[in-house]
């Protein structure tokens, strides 16, 4: 796996926010920015911090794996008709039986 940091740093704020919104919901500020609303100076400070965080996360392999694993876990929980962050009753029962 390869991350092109130079390309990630060349992307403008709008491109970063659009890419992040394909993965996650984003914040109220990023949603307003994408809709074309004008942000105040204070909001822009927080927006810029958020965009920098998104930029780092989008070029992080560990964040990629986190989001990938979360999606897989959600699908597995839906398939098993259960909820839970890491373990649910059916998977815990299988784990206990195996032990």
C-alpha atoms as a PDB file:
ATOM      1  CA  UNK A   1       0.000   0.000   0.000  1.00  0.00           C
ATOM      2  CA  UNK A   2       1.314   3.450  -0.890  1.00  0.00           C
ATOM      3  CA  UNK A   3       0.192   6.911   0.191  1.00  0.00           C
ATOM      4  CA  UNK A   4       1.099   9.816  -2.079  1.00  0.00           C
ATOM      5  CA  UNK A   5       1.614  12.560   0.517  1.00  0.00           C
ATOM      6  CA  UNK A   6       2.590  15.133  -2.102  1.00  0.00           C
ATOM      7  CA  UNK A   7      -0.680  14.669  -3.957  1.00  0.00           C
ATOM      8  CA  UNK A   8      -2.665  14.795  -0.710  1.00  0.00           C
ATOM      9  CA  UNK A   9      -1.017  18.084   0.220  1.00  0.00           C
ATOM     10  CA  UNK A  10      -1.810  19.582  -3.204  1.00  0.00           C
ATOM     11  CA  UNK A  11      -5.557  18.958  -2.865  1.00  0.00           C
ATOM     12  CA  UNK A  12      -7.567  22.042  -1.974  1.00  0.00           C
ATOM     13  CA  UNK A  13      -9.856  22.209   1.063  1.00  0.00           C
ATOM     14  CA  UNK A  14     -13.013  21.503  -0.927  1.00  0.00           C
ATOM     15  CA  UNK A  15     -11.521  18.337  -2.450  1.00  0.00           C
ATOM     16  CA  UNK A  16     -10.476  17.120   1.001  1.00  0.00           C
ATOM     17  CA  UNK A  17     -13.923  17.758   2.488  1.00  0.00           C
ATOM     18  CA  UNK A  18     -15.698  16.067  -0.435  1.00  0.00           C
ATOM     19  CA  UNK A  19     -13.479  12.994  -0.083  1.00  0.00           C
ATOM     20  CA  UNK A  20     -14.055  12.872   3.669  1.00  0.00           C
ATOM     21  CA  UNK A  21     -17.827  13.199   3.222  1.00  0.00           C
ATOM     22  CA  UNK A  22     -17.745  10.112   1.002  1.00  0.00           C
ATOM     23  CA  UNK A  23     -16.553   8.208   4.068  1.00  0.00           C
ATOM     24  CA  UNK A  24     -18.163  10.016   6.994  1.00  0.00           C
ATOM     25  CA  UNK A  25     -20.841  12.587   7.672  1.00  0.00           C
ATOM     26  CA  UNK A  26     -18.456  15.398   8.575  1.00  0.00           C
ATOM     27  CA  UNK A  27     -19.202  18.355  10.808  1.00  0.00           C
ATOM     28  CA  UNK A  28     -21.829  21.074  10.550  1.00  0.00           C
ATOM     29  CA  UNK A  29     -19.129  23.494   9.369  1.00  0.00           C
ATOM     30  CA  UNK A  30     -17.870  21.210   6.611  1.00  0.00           C
ATOM     31  CA  UNK A  31     -21.422  20.531   5.466  1.00  0.00           C
ATOM     32  CA  UNK A  32     -22.173  24.267   5.375  1.00  0.00           C
ATOM     33  CA  UNK A  33     -18.940  24.902   3.442  1.00  0.00           C
ATOM     34  CA  UNK A  34     -19.869  22.329   0.807  1.00  0.00           C
ATOM     35  CA  UNK A  35     -23.311  23.904   0.456  1.00  0.00           C
ATOM     36  CA  UNK A  36     -21.601  27.201  -0.338  1.00  0.00           C
ATOM     37  CA  UNK A  37     -22.473  29.064   2.842  1.00  0.00           C
ATOM     38  CA  UNK A  38     -20.102  31.796   3.974  1.00  0.00           C
ATOM     39  CA  UNK A  39     -18.301  31.028   7.240  1.00  0.00           C
ATOM     40  CA  UNK A  40     -17.356  33.652   9.845  1.00  0.00           C
ATOM     41  CA  UNK A  41     -13.714  34.214  10.819  1.00  0.00           C
ATOM     42  CA  UNK A  42     -14.119  32.107  13.953  1.00  0.00           C
ATOM     43  CA  UNK A  43     -15.825  29.334  12.017  1.00  0.00           C
ATOM     44  CA  UNK A  44     -13.021  29.438   9.440  1.00  0.00           C
ATOM     45  CA  UNK A  45     -10.439  28.812  12.166  1.00  0.00           C
ATOM     46  CA  UNK A  46     -12.266  25.662  13.276  1.00  0.00           C
ATOM     47  CA  UNK A  47     -12.951  24.684   9.672  1.00  0.00           C
ATOM     48  CA  UNK A  48      -9.249  24.918   8.781  1.00  0.00           C
ATOM     49  CA  UNK A  49      -8.318  22.780  11.800  1.00  0.00           C
ATOM     50  CA  UNK A  50     -10.896  20.196  10.756  1.00  0.00           C
ATOM     51  CA  UNK A  51      -9.667  20.151   7.149  1.00  0.00           C
ATOM     52  CA  UNK A  52      -6.083  19.639   8.320  1.00  0.00           C
ATOM     53  CA  UNK A  53      -7.261  16.744  10.464  1.00  0.00           C
ATOM     54  CA  UNK A  54      -9.195  15.245   7.529  1.00  0.00           C
ATOM     55  CA  UNK A  55      -6.143  15.656   5.281  1.00  0.00           C
ATOM     56  CA  UNK A  56      -3.990  13.723   7.774  1.00  0.00           C
ATOM     57  CA  UNK A  57      -6.599  11.007   8.214  1.00  0.00           C
ATOM     58  CA  UNK A  58      -7.160  10.568   4.483  1.00  0.00           C
ATOM     59  CA  UNK A  59      -3.448   9.925   4.006  1.00  0.00           C
ATOM     60  CA  UNK A  60      -3.179   7.592   7.020  1.00  0.00           C
ATOM     61  CA  UNK A  61      -3.147   3.845   6.469  1.00  0.00           C
ATOM     62  CA  UNK A  62      -4.245   3.257  10.073  1.00  0.00           C
ATOM     63  CA  UNK A  63      -7.357   5.428   9.554  1.00  0.00           C
ATOM     64  CA  UNK A  64      -8.061   3.566   6.315  1.00  0.00           C
ATOM     65  CA  UNK A  65      -7.920   0.260   8.196  1.00  0.00           C
ATOM     66  CA  UNK A  66     -10.075   1.636  11.002  1.00  0.00           C
ATOM     67  CA  UNK A  67     -12.826   2.726   8.623  1.00  0.00           C
ATOM     68  CA  UNK A  68     -12.574  -0.503   6.649  1.00  0.00           C
ATOM     69  CA  UNK A  69     -12.859  -2.642   9.795  1.00  0.00           C
ATOM     70  CA  UNK A  70     -15.768  -0.573  11.087  1.00  0.00           C
ATOM     71  CA  UNK A  71     -17.708  -1.151   7.869  1.00  0.00           C
ATOM     72  CA  UNK A  72     -17.011  -4.890   7.979  1.00  0.00           C
ATOM     73  CA  UNK A  73     -18.059  -5.073  11.658  1.00  0.00           C
ATOM     74  CA  UNK A  74     -21.307  -3.209  10.956  1.00  0.00           C
ATOM     75  CA  UNK A  75     -22.170  -5.555   8.093  1.00  0.00           C
ATOM     76  CA  UNK A  76     -21.376  -8.605  10.241  1.00  0.00           C
ATOM     77  CA  UNK A  77     -23.534  -7.292  13.088  1.00  0.00           C
ATOM     78  CA  UNK A  78     -26.386  -6.631  10.666  1.00  0.00           C
ATOM     79  CA  UNK A  79     -26.037 -10.134   9.242  1.00  0.00           C
ATOM     80  CA  UNK A  80     -26.079 -11.614  12.768  1.00  0.00           C
ATOM     81  CA  UNK A  81     -28.984  -9.338  13.831  1.00  0.00           C
ATOM     82  CA  UNK A  82     -27.022  -7.961  16.750  1.00  0.00           C
ATOM     83  CA  UNK A  83     -25.377  -4.767  17.898  1.00  0.00           C
ATOM     84  CA  UNK A  84     -22.154  -4.061  19.666  1.00  0.00           C
ATOM     85  CA  UNK A  85     -18.901  -2.310  19.210  1.00  0.00           C
ATOM     86  CA  UNK A  86     -16.503  -5.241  19.107  1.00  0.00           C
ATOM     87  CA  UNK A  87     -18.254  -8.319  20.411  1.00  0.00           C
ATOM     88  CA  UNK A  88     -21.877  -9.267  20.443  1.00  0.00           C
ATOM     89  CA  UNK A  89     -23.520 -12.218  22.141  1.00  0.00           C
ATOM     90  CA  UNK A  90     -23.360 -14.638  19.160  1.00  0.00           C
ATOM     91  CA  UNK A  91     -19.683 -13.982  18.501  1.00  0.00           C
ATOM     92  CA  UNK A  92     -18.826 -14.103  22.216  1.00  0.00           C
ATOM     93  CA  UNK A  93     -20.584 -17.459  22.534  1.00  0.00           C
ATOM     94  CA  UNK A  94     -18.536 -18.834  19.648  1.00  0.00           C
ATOM     95  CA  UNK A  95     -15.365 -17.449  21.195  1.00  0.00           C
ATOM     96  CA  UNK A  96     -16.163 -19.019  24.576  1.00  0.00           C
ATOM     97  CA  UNK A  97     -16.988 -22.375  22.979  1.00  0.00           C
ATOM     98  CA  UNK A  98     -13.704 -22.326  21.080  1.00  0.00           C
ATOM     99  CA  UNK A  99     -11.781 -21.630  24.304  1.00  0.00           C
END
